[in-house]
Amino acid sequence: MTLRQVIMSLAVLVILVGCGEEERVAPPPQQAMGAFSPEQFADIPLPRGYVFSPDQDQLAVTLAGGTVRRFDVAMEQRETAEPQAVTSLLSEMQRDLTALGWLLAPNRTDLLEWWKGQERLVLETGRTGGRTTIRLRLRPAPIVGP
């Protein structure tokens, strides 16, 4: 066998082996299906000086490219924070929500229900262990019938 025949045989072998192999592609990484992504809710302000309540379930998810959003978060004042009255917290939330395009729900003067587009944000306040608490719940706005 000549050198030329050896090279041709090797070339054919490489081509045949290469054609028989399927291209190995790593599977795409799976998207994490977490149920808590508050960073995706830039239009819902979280009060300063508050932390997520450790004994409460927290939900912050967006689906369908952000067209479906659910937000249900409970927060409480930090233990080291200066006590804050509920009225002060609600005034702070009013300022921040208004700046982010939220409108106070019709016929509500208690600052606890806000609307933006097709969404409704309900605030619930309370106290635990002498500290002020707040729960923020985002839901679709009710459909107004004829």
Protein backbone atom coordinates (compact mmCIF):
# COMPACT_ATOMS: atom_id res chain seq x y z
CA MET A 1 0.00 0.00 0.00
CA THR A 2 1.33 3.39 -0.92
CA LEU A 3 1.33 6.45 1.29
CA ARG A 4 -1.38 7.96 -0.88
CA GLN A 5 -3.64 4.92 -0.41
CA VAL A 6 -3.07 4.97 3.36
CA ILE A 7 -4.02 8.66 3.56
CA MET A 8 -7.11 8.06 1.41
CA SER A 9 -8.16 5.10 3.56
CA LEU A 10 -7.76 7.15 6.75
CA ALA A 11 -9.72 10.03 5.24
CA VAL A 12 -12.59 7.70 4.27
CA LEU A 13 -12.51 6.14 7.75
CA VAL A 14 -12.69 9.56 9.43
CA ILE A 15 -15.60 10.60 7.21
CA LEU A 16 -17.51 7.38 7.86
CA VAL A 17 -16.97 7.58 11.61
CA GLY A 18 -17.91 11.26 11.62
CA CYS A 19 -21.11 10.63 9.63
CA GLY A 20 -22.22 7.84 11.93
CA GLU A 21 -21.97 9.97 15.06
CA GLU A 22 -24.86 12.22 15.96
CA GLU A 23 -23.79 15.63 17.04
CA ARG A 24 -23.83 15.66 20.80
CA VAL A 25 -25.49 18.77 22.07
CA ALA A 26 -25.82 19.49 25.74
CA PRO A 27 -29.47 19.84 26.74
CA PRO A 28 -30.50 23.41 27.50
CA PRO A 29 -30.38 24.25 31.18
CA GLN A 30 -33.73 23.90 32.82
CA GLN A 31 -35.29 27.13 33.92
CA ALA A 32 -35.66 27.34 37.65
CA MET A 33 -39.29 27.21 38.66
CA GLY A 34 -39.03 29.21 41.84
CA ALA A 35 -42.10 30.71 43.41
CA PHE A 36 -40.42 33.78 44.82
CA SER A 37 -38.92 36.40 42.54
CA PRO A 38 -39.77 39.80 44.03
CA GLU A 39 -37.16 41.48 41.83
CA GLN A 40 -39.58 41.00 38.91
CA PHE A 41 -42.01 43.45 40.55
CA ALA A 42 -40.27 46.79 40.25
CA ASP A 43 -43.65 48.56 40.40
CA ILE A 44 -44.47 47.19 43.86
CA PRO A 45 -42.44 49.01 46.50
CA LEU A 46 -41.28 47.16 49.58
CA PRO A 47 -41.21 49.38 52.66
CA ARG A 48 -37.80 50.40 53.97
CA GLY A 49 -36.88 48.98 57.36
CA TYR A 50 -39.00 45.86 56.84
CA VAL A 51 -38.04 42.21 56.30
CA PHE A 52 -39.96 39.25 54.94
CA SER A 53 -41.88 37.54 57.74
CA PRO A 54 -40.07 34.22 58.28
CA ASP A 55 -43.16 32.36 59.50
CA GLN A 56 -45.35 33.38 56.53
CA ASP A 57 -45.51 31.90 53.03
CA GLN A 58 -44.26 34.30 50.35
CA LEU A 59 -45.27 34.27 46.69
CA ALA A 60 -43.91 36.42 43.88
CA VAL A 61 -44.21 34.89 40.41
CA THR A 62 -44.72 36.02 36.85
CA LEU A 63 -45.91 33.76 34.05
CA ALA A 64 -46.50 34.11 30.32
CA GLY A 65 -43.84 36.76 29.86
CA GLY A 66 -45.14 38.87 32.73
CA THR A 67 -48.76 38.96 31.60
CA VAL A 68 -49.83 36.93 34.64
CA ARG A 69 -48.42 38.16 37.95
CA ARG A 70 -49.07 37.03 41.50
CA PHE A 71 -47.57 38.71 44.52
CA ASP A 72 -48.44 37.82 48.11
CA VAL A 73 -45.79 38.98 50.54
CA ALA A 74 -45.86 39.46 54.32
CA MET A 75 -43.32 41.79 55.92
CA GLU A 76 -42.60 43.05 59.40
CA GLN A 77 -40.44 45.78 60.84
CA ARG A 78 -36.88 44.83 61.65
CA GLU A 79 -36.43 44.16 65.34
CA THR A 80 -33.85 46.93 65.56
CA ALA A 81 -36.00 49.50 63.72
CA GLU A 82 -37.60 52.47 65.38
CA PRO A 83 -41.31 51.67 65.90
CA GLN A 84 -43.44 52.96 63.01
CA ALA A 85 -47.12 53.78 63.24
CA VAL A 86 -49.40 52.17 60.67
CA THR A 87 -50.49 55.61 59.43
CA SER A 88 -46.86 56.53 58.76
CA LEU A 89 -46.28 53.28 56.86
CA LEU A 90 -49.40 53.81 54.75
CA SER A 91 -48.36 57.39 53.94
CA GLU A 92 -44.97 56.09 52.78
CA MET A 93 -46.65 53.40 50.67
CA GLN A 94 -49.05 56.00 49.20
CA ARG A 95 -46.14 58.18 48.10
CA ASP A 96 -44.25 55.25 46.56
CA LEU A 97 -47.27 53.63 44.88
CA THR A 98 -48.43 56.93 43.38
CA ALA A 99 -44.94 57.55 42.00
CA LEU A 100 -45.04 54.09 40.35
CA GLY A 101 -48.37 54.72 38.61
CA TRP A 102 -50.80 53.08 41.04
CA LEU A 103 -54.18 54.75 41.66
CA LEU A 104 -56.15 54.58 44.87
CA ALA A 105 -59.19 52.37 44.27
CA PRO A 106 -62.49 54.22 43.85
CA ASN A 107 -64.38 54.93 47.08
CA ARG A 108 -61.34 53.99 49.23
CA THR A 109 -59.86 56.57 51.56
CA ASP A 110 -58.04 54.12 53.84
CA LEU A 111 -55.07 53.72 51.42
CA LEU A 112 -55.46 49.94 51.47
CA GLU A 113 -56.50 49.18 47.86
CA TRP A 114 -54.72 50.31 44.70
CA TRP A 115 -55.32 49.70 41.01
CA LYS A 116 -53.01 49.78 38.03
CA GLY A 117 -54.11 48.57 34.62
CA GLN A 118 -55.82 45.22 35.12
CA GLU A 119 -54.33 44.58 38.56
CA ARG A 120 -55.41 45.27 42.10
CA LEU A 121 -52.96 45.62 45.01
CA VAL A 122 -54.41 45.18 48.49
CA LEU A 123 -52.48 46.17 51.61
CA GLU A 124 -53.20 44.70 55.03
CA THR A 125 -51.52 46.13 58.11
CA GLY A 126 -51.21 44.88 61.67
CA ARG A 127 -48.83 44.37 64.54
CA THR A 128 -46.82 41.44 65.80
CA GLY A 129 -44.64 41.51 68.87
CA GLY A 130 -45.03 45.30 69.04
CA ARG A 131 -43.81 45.75 65.44
CA THR A 132 -45.83 46.95 62.48
CA THR A 133 -46.58 44.38 59.77
CA ILE A 134 -47.81 44.66 56.20
CA ARG A 135 -49.07 42.14 53.65
CA LEU A 136 -49.15 43.05 49.97
CA ARG A 137 -51.46 41.00 47.72
CA LEU A 138 -51.55 41.51 43.97
CA ARG A 139 -54.54 40.10 42.10
CA PRO A 140 -56.29 40.70 38.79
CA ALA A 141 -58.70 43.60 39.02
CA PRO A 142 -62.34 42.52 39.07
CA ILE A 143 -64.04 42.64 35.71
CA VAL A 144 -66.75 45.24 35.66
CA GLY A 145 -69.84 43.88 33.92
CA PRO A 146 -72.40 45.71 31.81
